[in-house]
N, C-alpha and C. Protein backbone atom coordinates (compact mmCIF):
# COMPACT_ATOMS: atom_id res chain seq x y z
N MET A 1 226.25 -109.92 115.60
CA MET A 1 225.40 -111.08 115.43
C MET A 1 225.14 -111.28 113.94
N LEU A 2 225.35 -112.50 113.47
CA LEU A 2 225.02 -112.85 112.10
C LEU A 2 224.39 -114.24 112.11
N ILE A 3 223.15 -114.31 111.67
CA ILE A 3 222.47 -115.60 111.52
C ILE A 3 222.48 -115.92 110.04
N GLU A 4 223.01 -117.08 109.70
CA GLU A 4 222.97 -117.56 108.32
C GLU A 4 222.14 -118.84 108.33
N LEU A 5 220.97 -118.77 107.72
CA LEU A 5 219.97 -119.83 107.75
C LEU A 5 219.73 -120.36 106.35
N ILE A 6 219.67 -121.69 106.24
CA ILE A 6 219.23 -122.30 104.99
C ILE A 6 217.89 -122.97 105.26
N ILE A 7 216.91 -122.66 104.42
CA ILE A 7 215.62 -123.32 104.49
C ILE A 7 215.59 -124.40 103.42
N TYR A 8 215.39 -125.64 103.85
CA TYR A 8 215.28 -126.77 102.94
C TYR A 8 213.80 -127.11 102.81
N SER A 9 213.26 -126.98 101.61
CA SER A 9 211.83 -127.24 101.41
C SER A 9 211.63 -127.84 100.04
N ARG A 10 210.38 -128.09 99.72
CA ARG A 10 209.99 -128.56 98.39
C ARG A 10 209.11 -127.49 97.76
N GLY A 11 209.14 -127.42 96.44
CA GLY A 11 208.32 -126.45 95.73
C GLY A 11 206.86 -126.60 96.11
N GLY A 12 206.23 -125.52 96.52
CA GLY A 12 204.83 -125.54 96.92
C GLY A 12 204.63 -125.57 98.42
N GLN A 13 205.69 -125.79 99.21
CA GLN A 13 205.55 -125.83 100.67
C GLN A 13 205.63 -124.46 101.31
N GLY A 14 206.21 -123.49 100.62
CA GLY A 14 206.29 -122.14 101.17
C GLY A 14 207.63 -121.76 101.77
N GLY A 15 208.70 -122.42 101.41
CA GLY A 15 210.02 -122.09 101.95
C GLY A 15 210.48 -120.70 101.59
N VAL A 16 210.29 -120.30 100.34
CA VAL A 16 210.70 -118.97 99.90
C VAL A 16 209.84 -117.91 100.60
N THR A 17 208.57 -118.18 100.73
CA THR A 17 207.66 -117.23 101.41
C THR A 17 208.02 -117.12 102.88
N ALA A 18 208.34 -118.23 103.53
CA ALA A 18 208.74 -118.20 104.94
C ALA A 18 209.98 -117.33 105.12
N ALA A 19 210.93 -117.44 104.21
CA ALA A 19 212.14 -116.60 104.30
C ALA A 19 211.77 -115.12 104.19
N ARG A 20 210.84 -114.81 103.30
CA ARG A 20 210.40 -113.41 103.17
C ARG A 20 209.71 -112.94 104.46
N PHE A 21 208.84 -113.79 105.02
CA PHE A 21 208.18 -113.44 106.29
C PHE A 21 209.22 -113.14 107.37
N VAL A 22 210.16 -114.06 107.56
CA VAL A 22 211.15 -113.93 108.63
C VAL A 22 212.08 -112.75 108.36
N GLY A 23 212.52 -112.59 107.11
CA GLY A 23 213.38 -111.46 106.77
C GLY A 23 212.71 -110.12 107.00
N THR A 24 211.46 -110.01 106.60
CA THR A 24 210.72 -108.77 106.81
C THR A 24 210.51 -108.52 108.29
N ALA A 25 210.18 -109.56 109.06
CA ALA A 25 210.01 -109.41 110.52
C ALA A 25 211.31 -108.94 111.17
N ALA A 26 212.43 -109.48 110.73
CA ALA A 26 213.73 -109.07 111.28
C ALA A 26 213.99 -107.59 110.99
N MET A 27 213.67 -107.16 109.77
CA MET A 27 213.87 -105.74 109.42
C MET A 27 212.95 -104.84 110.24
N LEU A 28 211.72 -105.27 110.44
CA LEU A 28 210.79 -104.49 111.26
C LEU A 28 211.29 -104.37 112.70
N GLN A 29 212.02 -105.38 113.16
CA GLN A 29 212.56 -105.37 114.51
C GLN A 29 213.87 -104.57 114.59
N GLY A 30 214.38 -104.13 113.45
CA GLY A 30 215.56 -103.27 113.46
C GLY A 30 216.83 -103.93 112.96
N PHE A 31 216.75 -105.14 112.43
CA PHE A 31 217.91 -105.84 111.90
C PHE A 31 218.00 -105.64 110.39
N PHE A 32 219.13 -106.05 109.84
CA PHE A 32 219.29 -106.12 108.39
C PHE A 32 218.99 -107.56 107.99
N ALA A 33 218.40 -107.76 106.82
CA ALA A 33 218.07 -109.11 106.38
C ALA A 33 218.21 -109.21 104.87
N GLN A 34 218.50 -110.43 104.43
CA GLN A 34 218.68 -110.71 103.01
C GLN A 34 218.17 -112.12 102.73
N THR A 35 217.34 -112.28 101.72
CA THR A 35 216.87 -113.61 101.32
C THR A 35 217.29 -113.88 99.88
N ILE A 36 217.73 -115.12 99.66
CA ILE A 36 218.16 -115.53 98.32
C ILE A 36 217.59 -116.92 98.05
N PRO A 37 216.56 -117.04 97.21
CA PRO A 37 216.05 -118.37 96.87
C PRO A 37 216.92 -119.02 95.79
N GLN A 38 217.02 -120.34 95.84
CA GLN A 38 217.73 -121.07 94.79
C GLN A 38 216.91 -122.30 94.44
N PHE A 39 216.50 -122.37 93.18
CA PHE A 39 215.76 -123.54 92.72
C PHE A 39 215.94 -123.67 91.22
N GLY A 40 215.68 -124.85 90.74
CA GLY A 40 215.77 -125.10 89.31
C GLY A 40 214.45 -124.77 88.66
N PRO A 41 214.05 -125.56 87.68
CA PRO A 41 212.75 -125.33 87.06
C PRO A 41 211.65 -125.37 88.13
N GLU A 42 210.83 -124.37 88.14
CA GLU A 42 209.79 -124.30 89.16
C GLU A 42 208.77 -125.41 88.95
N ARG A 43 208.69 -126.29 89.92
CA ARG A 43 207.67 -127.32 89.87
C ARG A 43 207.40 -127.81 91.29
N ARG A 44 206.19 -128.19 91.50
CA ARG A 44 205.78 -128.67 92.81
C ARG A 44 206.56 -129.93 93.17
N GLY A 45 207.09 -129.95 94.37
CA GLY A 45 207.78 -131.13 94.88
C GLY A 45 209.29 -131.12 94.68
N ALA A 46 209.80 -130.24 93.83
CA ALA A 46 211.25 -130.16 93.63
C ALA A 46 211.91 -129.52 94.86
N ARG A 47 213.16 -129.91 95.15
CA ARG A 47 213.89 -129.31 96.27
C ARG A 47 214.13 -127.83 96.01
N VAL A 48 213.93 -127.06 97.06
CA VAL A 48 214.17 -125.62 97.01
C VAL A 48 215.02 -125.26 98.22
N TYR A 49 216.11 -124.54 97.98
CA TYR A 49 216.94 -124.04 99.06
C TYR A 49 216.78 -122.53 99.09
N THR A 50 216.56 -121.99 100.27
CA THR A 50 216.44 -120.55 100.41
C THR A 50 217.42 -120.11 101.48
N TYR A 51 218.22 -119.13 101.14
CA TYR A 51 219.23 -118.61 102.06
C TYR A 51 218.71 -117.33 102.70
N LEU A 52 218.90 -117.22 104.00
CA LEU A 52 218.44 -116.06 104.74
C LEU A 52 219.55 -115.61 105.68
N ARG A 53 219.93 -114.36 105.58
CA ARG A 53 220.90 -113.79 106.51
C ARG A 53 220.20 -112.70 107.31
N ILE A 54 220.48 -112.67 108.60
CA ILE A 54 219.97 -111.63 109.49
C ILE A 54 221.15 -111.15 110.32
N SER A 55 221.31 -109.83 110.40
CA SER A 55 222.45 -109.28 111.12
C SER A 55 222.08 -107.95 111.77
N ASP A 56 222.85 -107.59 112.77
CA ASP A 56 222.68 -106.27 113.37
C ASP A 56 223.53 -105.23 112.64
N LYS A 57 224.31 -105.70 111.65
CA LYS A 57 225.12 -104.82 110.82
C LYS A 57 224.73 -105.01 109.36
N GLN A 58 225.08 -104.05 108.53
CA GLN A 58 224.76 -104.16 107.11
C GLN A 58 225.37 -105.43 106.52
N ILE A 59 224.63 -106.10 105.66
CA ILE A 59 225.08 -107.37 105.06
C ILE A 59 225.63 -107.07 103.67
N ARG A 60 226.90 -107.39 103.49
CA ARG A 60 227.53 -107.13 102.19
C ARG A 60 227.67 -108.39 101.35
N LYS A 61 227.61 -109.56 101.96
CA LYS A 61 227.70 -110.82 101.21
C LYS A 61 226.48 -110.96 100.32
N ARG A 62 226.67 -111.55 99.15
CA ARG A 62 225.56 -111.79 98.23
C ARG A 62 225.62 -113.21 97.69
N SER A 63 226.28 -114.09 98.40
CA SER A 63 226.51 -115.44 97.92
C SER A 63 225.65 -116.46 98.66
N GLN A 64 225.72 -117.70 98.19
CA GLN A 64 225.06 -118.80 98.89
C GLN A 64 225.69 -118.95 100.26
N ILE A 65 224.96 -119.59 101.15
CA ILE A 65 225.47 -119.88 102.48
C ILE A 65 226.04 -121.29 102.45
N LYS A 66 227.32 -121.41 102.75
CA LYS A 66 227.97 -122.73 102.71
C LYS A 66 227.98 -123.42 104.07
N ASN A 67 228.14 -122.65 105.14
CA ASN A 67 228.20 -123.20 106.50
C ASN A 67 227.19 -122.49 107.39
N PRO A 68 225.93 -122.88 107.30
CA PRO A 68 224.89 -122.19 108.07
C PRO A 68 225.04 -122.45 109.57
N ASN A 69 224.67 -121.45 110.37
CA ASN A 69 224.61 -121.70 111.81
C ASN A 69 223.18 -122.04 112.23
N CYS A 70 222.28 -122.09 111.24
CA CYS A 70 220.88 -122.42 111.50
C CYS A 70 220.27 -123.00 110.22
N ILE A 71 219.43 -124.02 110.38
CA ILE A 71 218.70 -124.58 109.24
C ILE A 71 217.24 -124.75 109.61
N ALA A 72 216.38 -124.75 108.60
CA ALA A 72 214.97 -125.06 108.77
C ALA A 72 214.64 -126.15 107.76
N LEU A 73 214.07 -127.22 108.24
CA LEU A 73 213.77 -128.38 107.40
C LEU A 73 212.27 -128.58 107.31
N PHE A 74 211.70 -128.31 106.14
CA PHE A 74 210.27 -128.43 105.93
C PHE A 74 209.85 -129.87 105.66
N ASP A 75 210.75 -130.68 105.11
CA ASP A 75 210.47 -132.08 104.76
C ASP A 75 211.65 -132.93 105.22
N LYS A 76 211.41 -133.87 106.13
CA LYS A 76 212.48 -134.69 106.70
C LYS A 76 213.19 -135.57 105.68
N LYS A 77 212.62 -135.75 104.50
CA LYS A 77 213.23 -136.60 103.48
C LYS A 77 214.31 -135.88 102.68
N ILE A 78 214.44 -134.58 102.84
CA ILE A 78 215.46 -133.82 102.13
C ILE A 78 216.78 -133.97 102.88
N GLU A 79 217.83 -134.28 102.14
CA GLU A 79 219.16 -134.40 102.74
C GLU A 79 219.69 -133.01 103.09
N ILE A 80 220.30 -132.93 104.27
CA ILE A 80 220.82 -131.65 104.75
C ILE A 80 222.29 -131.78 105.11
N LYS A 81 222.94 -130.62 105.25
CA LYS A 81 224.33 -130.59 105.70
C LYS A 81 224.37 -130.73 107.21
N ASP A 82 225.38 -131.44 107.70
CA ASP A 82 225.56 -131.58 109.14
C ASP A 82 226.36 -130.40 109.70
N GLY A 83 226.34 -130.29 111.02
CA GLY A 83 227.21 -129.34 111.69
C GLY A 83 226.65 -127.95 111.89
N THR A 84 225.40 -127.83 112.18
CA THR A 84 224.81 -126.52 112.44
C THR A 84 224.48 -126.39 113.93
N ASN A 85 224.34 -125.17 114.40
CA ASN A 85 224.04 -124.94 115.81
C ASN A 85 222.56 -125.12 116.12
N ILE A 86 221.70 -124.61 115.22
CA ILE A 86 220.25 -124.62 115.47
C ILE A 86 219.54 -125.23 114.26
N ALA A 87 218.59 -126.12 114.52
CA ALA A 87 217.75 -126.68 113.47
C ALA A 87 216.29 -126.51 113.87
N ILE A 88 215.46 -126.16 112.92
CA ILE A 88 214.02 -126.08 113.12
C ILE A 88 213.41 -127.08 112.14
N VAL A 89 212.66 -128.05 112.68
CA VAL A 89 212.20 -129.17 111.87
C VAL A 89 210.68 -129.29 111.92
N ASN A 90 210.08 -129.55 110.76
CA ASN A 90 208.67 -129.88 110.69
C ASN A 90 208.55 -131.36 111.01
N SER A 91 208.18 -131.67 112.24
CA SER A 91 208.11 -133.06 112.69
C SER A 91 207.16 -133.19 113.87
N ARG A 92 206.43 -134.30 113.91
CA ARG A 92 205.54 -134.55 115.04
C ARG A 92 206.32 -134.98 116.28
N GLU A 93 207.42 -135.68 116.07
CA GLU A 93 208.20 -136.18 117.19
C GLU A 93 209.60 -135.56 117.17
N PRO A 94 210.27 -135.56 118.33
CA PRO A 94 211.62 -134.99 118.40
C PRO A 94 212.55 -135.66 117.40
N LEU A 95 213.37 -134.86 116.76
CA LEU A 95 214.32 -135.34 115.77
C LEU A 95 215.58 -134.48 115.92
N LYS A 96 216.59 -135.01 116.58
CA LYS A 96 217.80 -134.24 116.89
C LYS A 96 218.68 -134.11 115.66
N LEU A 97 218.83 -132.88 115.16
CA LEU A 97 219.65 -132.62 113.98
C LEU A 97 220.78 -131.63 114.24
N ALA A 98 220.78 -130.97 115.40
CA ALA A 98 221.76 -129.94 115.68
C ALA A 98 221.98 -129.87 117.19
N GLU A 99 222.89 -128.99 117.60
CA GLU A 99 223.13 -128.79 119.02
C GLU A 99 221.81 -128.45 119.74
N LYS A 100 221.03 -127.58 119.11
CA LYS A 100 219.71 -127.22 119.65
C LYS A 100 218.72 -127.39 118.51
N THR A 101 217.79 -128.32 118.67
CA THR A 101 216.81 -128.60 117.62
C THR A 101 215.42 -128.23 118.11
N PHE A 102 214.73 -127.44 117.32
CA PHE A 102 213.34 -127.09 117.56
C PHE A 102 212.49 -127.93 116.62
N TYR A 103 211.37 -128.43 117.12
CA TYR A 103 210.48 -129.18 116.24
C TYR A 103 209.03 -128.76 116.49
N VAL A 104 208.28 -128.75 115.39
CA VAL A 104 206.88 -128.35 115.43
C VAL A 104 206.15 -129.12 114.33
N ASP A 105 204.94 -129.52 114.60
CA ASP A 105 204.13 -130.20 113.59
C ASP A 105 203.46 -129.14 112.72
N ALA A 106 204.25 -128.53 111.85
CA ALA A 106 203.76 -127.44 111.00
C ALA A 106 202.69 -127.93 110.02
N THR A 107 202.80 -129.18 109.61
CA THR A 107 201.81 -129.73 108.67
C THR A 107 200.42 -129.72 109.30
N SER A 108 200.31 -130.21 110.53
CA SER A 108 199.00 -130.24 111.21
C SER A 108 198.46 -128.83 111.45
N ILE A 109 199.34 -127.91 111.80
CA ILE A 109 198.90 -126.53 112.03
C ILE A 109 198.38 -125.93 110.72
N ALA A 110 199.10 -126.13 109.63
CA ALA A 110 198.64 -125.62 108.33
C ALA A 110 197.29 -126.21 107.95
N GLU A 111 197.13 -127.51 108.16
CA GLU A 111 195.85 -128.16 107.85
C GLU A 111 194.73 -127.62 108.73
N LYS A 112 195.02 -127.39 110.01
CA LYS A 112 194.02 -126.87 110.95
C LYS A 112 193.45 -125.54 110.48
N TYR A 113 194.30 -124.68 109.91
CA TYR A 113 193.86 -123.35 109.47
C TYR A 113 193.50 -123.30 107.99
N GLY A 114 193.46 -124.45 107.34
CA GLY A 114 193.06 -124.50 105.94
C GLY A 114 194.08 -123.93 104.98
N LEU A 115 195.34 -123.95 105.37
CA LEU A 115 196.41 -123.44 104.51
C LEU A 115 196.88 -124.57 103.59
N ILE A 116 196.06 -124.83 102.58
CA ILE A 116 196.30 -125.95 101.67
C ILE A 116 196.10 -125.45 100.25
N ASN A 117 196.99 -125.89 99.37
CA ASN A 117 196.87 -125.54 97.96
C ASN A 117 197.11 -126.81 97.14
N ALA A 118 196.15 -127.17 96.33
CA ALA A 118 196.23 -128.37 95.48
C ALA A 118 196.51 -129.61 96.30
N GLY A 119 195.95 -129.66 97.51
CA GLY A 119 196.11 -130.83 98.37
C GLY A 119 197.39 -130.83 99.20
N TRP A 120 198.24 -129.84 99.06
CA TRP A 120 199.50 -129.75 99.82
C TRP A 120 199.38 -128.69 100.91
N PRO A 121 199.79 -129.02 102.13
CA PRO A 121 199.82 -127.99 103.18
C PRO A 121 200.88 -126.93 102.85
N ILE A 122 200.53 -125.69 103.05
CA ILE A 122 201.47 -124.59 102.86
C ILE A 122 202.06 -124.27 104.23
N LEU A 123 203.36 -124.50 104.38
CA LEU A 123 204.01 -124.45 105.68
C LEU A 123 204.68 -123.12 106.00
N SER A 124 204.58 -122.15 105.12
CA SER A 124 205.29 -120.89 105.32
C SER A 124 204.95 -120.21 106.65
N ALA A 125 203.69 -120.11 106.99
CA ALA A 125 203.30 -119.41 108.22
C ALA A 125 203.72 -120.18 109.48
N PRO A 126 203.33 -121.46 109.62
CA PRO A 126 203.74 -122.14 110.85
C PRO A 126 205.26 -122.29 110.99
N MET A 127 205.95 -122.55 109.90
CA MET A 127 207.41 -122.69 110.01
C MET A 127 208.07 -121.34 110.30
N SER A 128 207.52 -120.25 109.77
CA SER A 128 208.09 -118.94 110.10
C SER A 128 207.87 -118.62 111.57
N GLY A 129 206.74 -119.06 112.13
CA GLY A 129 206.52 -118.89 113.57
C GLY A 129 207.56 -119.64 114.39
N ALA A 130 207.86 -120.87 113.99
CA ALA A 130 208.87 -121.66 114.70
C ALA A 130 210.26 -121.08 114.52
N ILE A 131 210.57 -120.63 113.31
CA ILE A 131 211.90 -120.05 113.03
C ILE A 131 212.11 -118.79 113.87
N THR A 132 211.12 -117.91 113.89
CA THR A 132 211.29 -116.67 114.66
C THR A 132 211.45 -116.95 116.15
N ARG A 133 210.78 -117.94 116.65
CA ARG A 133 210.95 -118.32 118.06
C ARG A 133 212.38 -118.80 118.31
N ALA A 134 212.90 -119.61 117.39
CA ALA A 134 214.24 -120.18 117.55
C ALA A 134 215.34 -119.12 117.49
N ILE A 135 215.14 -118.09 116.67
CA ILE A 135 216.20 -117.09 116.50
C ILE A 135 215.95 -115.78 117.24
N GLY A 136 214.82 -115.70 117.95
CA GLY A 136 214.59 -114.55 118.81
C GLY A 136 213.93 -113.34 118.18
N ILE A 137 213.16 -113.55 117.12
CA ILE A 137 212.39 -112.46 116.52
C ILE A 137 211.02 -112.44 117.19
N GLU A 138 210.56 -111.26 117.57
CA GLU A 138 209.29 -111.15 118.29
C GLU A 138 208.10 -111.46 117.38
N THR A 139 207.08 -112.11 117.96
CA THR A 139 205.90 -112.51 117.21
C THR A 139 205.17 -111.33 116.58
N SER A 140 205.11 -110.22 117.27
CA SER A 140 204.38 -109.06 116.74
C SER A 140 204.98 -108.60 115.41
N TYR A 141 206.29 -108.68 115.27
CA TYR A 141 206.91 -108.28 114.01
C TYR A 141 206.64 -109.30 112.91
N LEU A 142 206.58 -110.56 113.28
CA LEU A 142 206.24 -111.60 112.30
C LEU A 142 204.81 -111.40 111.79
N ILE A 143 203.90 -111.14 112.69
CA ILE A 143 202.50 -110.94 112.29
C ILE A 143 202.39 -109.73 111.35
N GLU A 144 203.10 -108.66 111.69
CA GLU A 144 203.09 -107.47 110.83
C GLU A 144 203.69 -107.80 109.45
N ALA A 145 204.75 -108.60 109.43
CA ALA A 145 205.38 -108.99 108.17
C ALA A 145 204.44 -109.81 107.30
N ILE A 146 203.71 -110.73 107.93
CA ILE A 146 202.76 -111.56 107.18
C ILE A 146 201.66 -110.69 106.59
N LYS A 147 201.20 -109.72 107.36
CA LYS A 147 200.16 -108.81 106.86
C LYS A 147 200.68 -107.97 105.69
N ILE A 148 201.92 -107.56 105.75
CA ILE A 148 202.53 -106.79 104.65
C ILE A 148 202.59 -107.66 103.40
N GLU A 149 203.03 -108.91 103.56
CA GLU A 149 203.21 -109.81 102.41
C GLU A 149 201.88 -110.28 101.82
N LEU A 150 200.90 -110.60 102.67
CA LEU A 150 199.66 -111.23 102.19
C LEU A 150 198.45 -110.31 102.13
N GLY A 151 198.53 -109.16 102.75
CA GLY A 151 197.41 -108.23 102.71
C GLY A 151 196.14 -108.80 103.33
N GLU A 152 195.05 -108.75 102.58
CA GLU A 152 193.74 -109.19 103.09
C GLU A 152 193.67 -110.68 103.40
N LYS A 153 194.57 -111.47 102.81
CA LYS A 153 194.54 -112.93 102.98
C LYS A 153 195.40 -113.40 104.15
N ALA A 154 195.79 -112.51 105.04
CA ALA A 154 196.77 -112.82 106.08
C ALA A 154 196.20 -113.48 107.33
N GLU A 155 194.90 -113.42 107.57
CA GLU A 155 194.34 -113.82 108.86
C GLU A 155 194.71 -115.25 109.27
N LYS A 156 194.45 -116.23 108.41
CA LYS A 156 194.73 -117.63 108.75
C LYS A 156 196.22 -117.86 108.94
N SER A 157 197.03 -117.23 108.12
CA SER A 157 198.48 -117.38 108.23
C SER A 157 198.99 -116.79 109.54
N CYS A 158 198.42 -115.66 109.95
CA CYS A 158 198.81 -115.05 111.23
C CYS A 158 198.48 -115.97 112.40
N LEU A 159 197.30 -116.57 112.36
CA LEU A 159 196.91 -117.50 113.43
C LEU A 159 197.83 -118.72 113.45
N ALA A 160 198.16 -119.25 112.30
CA ALA A 160 199.05 -120.41 112.22
C ALA A 160 200.44 -120.07 112.73
N ALA A 161 200.95 -118.90 112.36
CA ALA A 161 202.28 -118.49 112.80
C ALA A 161 202.32 -118.30 114.32
N LYS A 162 201.29 -117.66 114.88
CA LYS A 162 201.22 -117.47 116.33
C LYS A 162 201.20 -118.80 117.06
N GLU A 163 200.38 -119.74 116.56
CA GLU A 163 200.29 -121.04 117.22
C GLU A 163 201.63 -121.76 117.18
N ALA A 164 202.26 -121.79 116.03
CA ALA A 164 203.55 -122.48 115.90
C ALA A 164 204.60 -121.83 116.81
N HIS A 165 204.59 -120.51 116.88
CA HIS A 165 205.53 -119.79 117.75
C HIS A 165 205.35 -120.21 119.21
N GLU A 166 204.10 -120.44 119.60
CA GLU A 166 203.80 -120.81 120.99
C GLU A 166 204.08 -122.28 121.30
N VAL A 167 203.84 -123.17 120.35
CA VAL A 167 203.91 -124.61 120.65
C VAL A 167 205.22 -125.28 120.24
N VAL A 168 206.09 -124.58 119.53
CA VAL A 168 207.35 -125.22 119.12
C VAL A 168 208.13 -125.68 120.34
N ASN A 169 208.68 -126.87 120.26
CA ASN A 169 209.45 -127.45 121.36
C ASN A 169 210.92 -127.54 120.93
N TRP A 170 211.81 -127.66 121.90
CA TRP A 170 213.21 -127.85 121.55
C TRP A 170 213.83 -128.97 122.39
N ILE A 171 214.82 -129.59 121.78
CA ILE A 171 215.54 -130.67 122.47
C ILE A 171 217.03 -130.37 122.43
């Protein structure tokens, strides 16, 4: 099994952090994982691509992912590559982007739990909850990963991730 995921986000939304959450959760569950962020000058609102590989075997590749079998889209306005098997989208309504598309209103969940910085919802926790549901990572490992990454500040993010994991829908 090899999952190659590209997270399409904007600077400040938490795409890189979500990849760390999911990668750490995968490792806690017994898989190998690798995250590679790619962005230009760090600034809020700029496109950020984050590559995440999860495998049951050691990962030797260290390159960008050119043909992902899974994508996560934090902002519907970002252009994405076609032809993936699974898509996870931050959207209030169904938006078919792949053979199997999961959608969750991560923005509303982040706002509900006060996960906001400088007026922008931070989507790392709710989107990581949706991603782990889509790819089969158990919630308990995700919660543990969030606690490892955030320490004392993890409570709201854990609640947001759990909710997103439970309410994500697929079409």
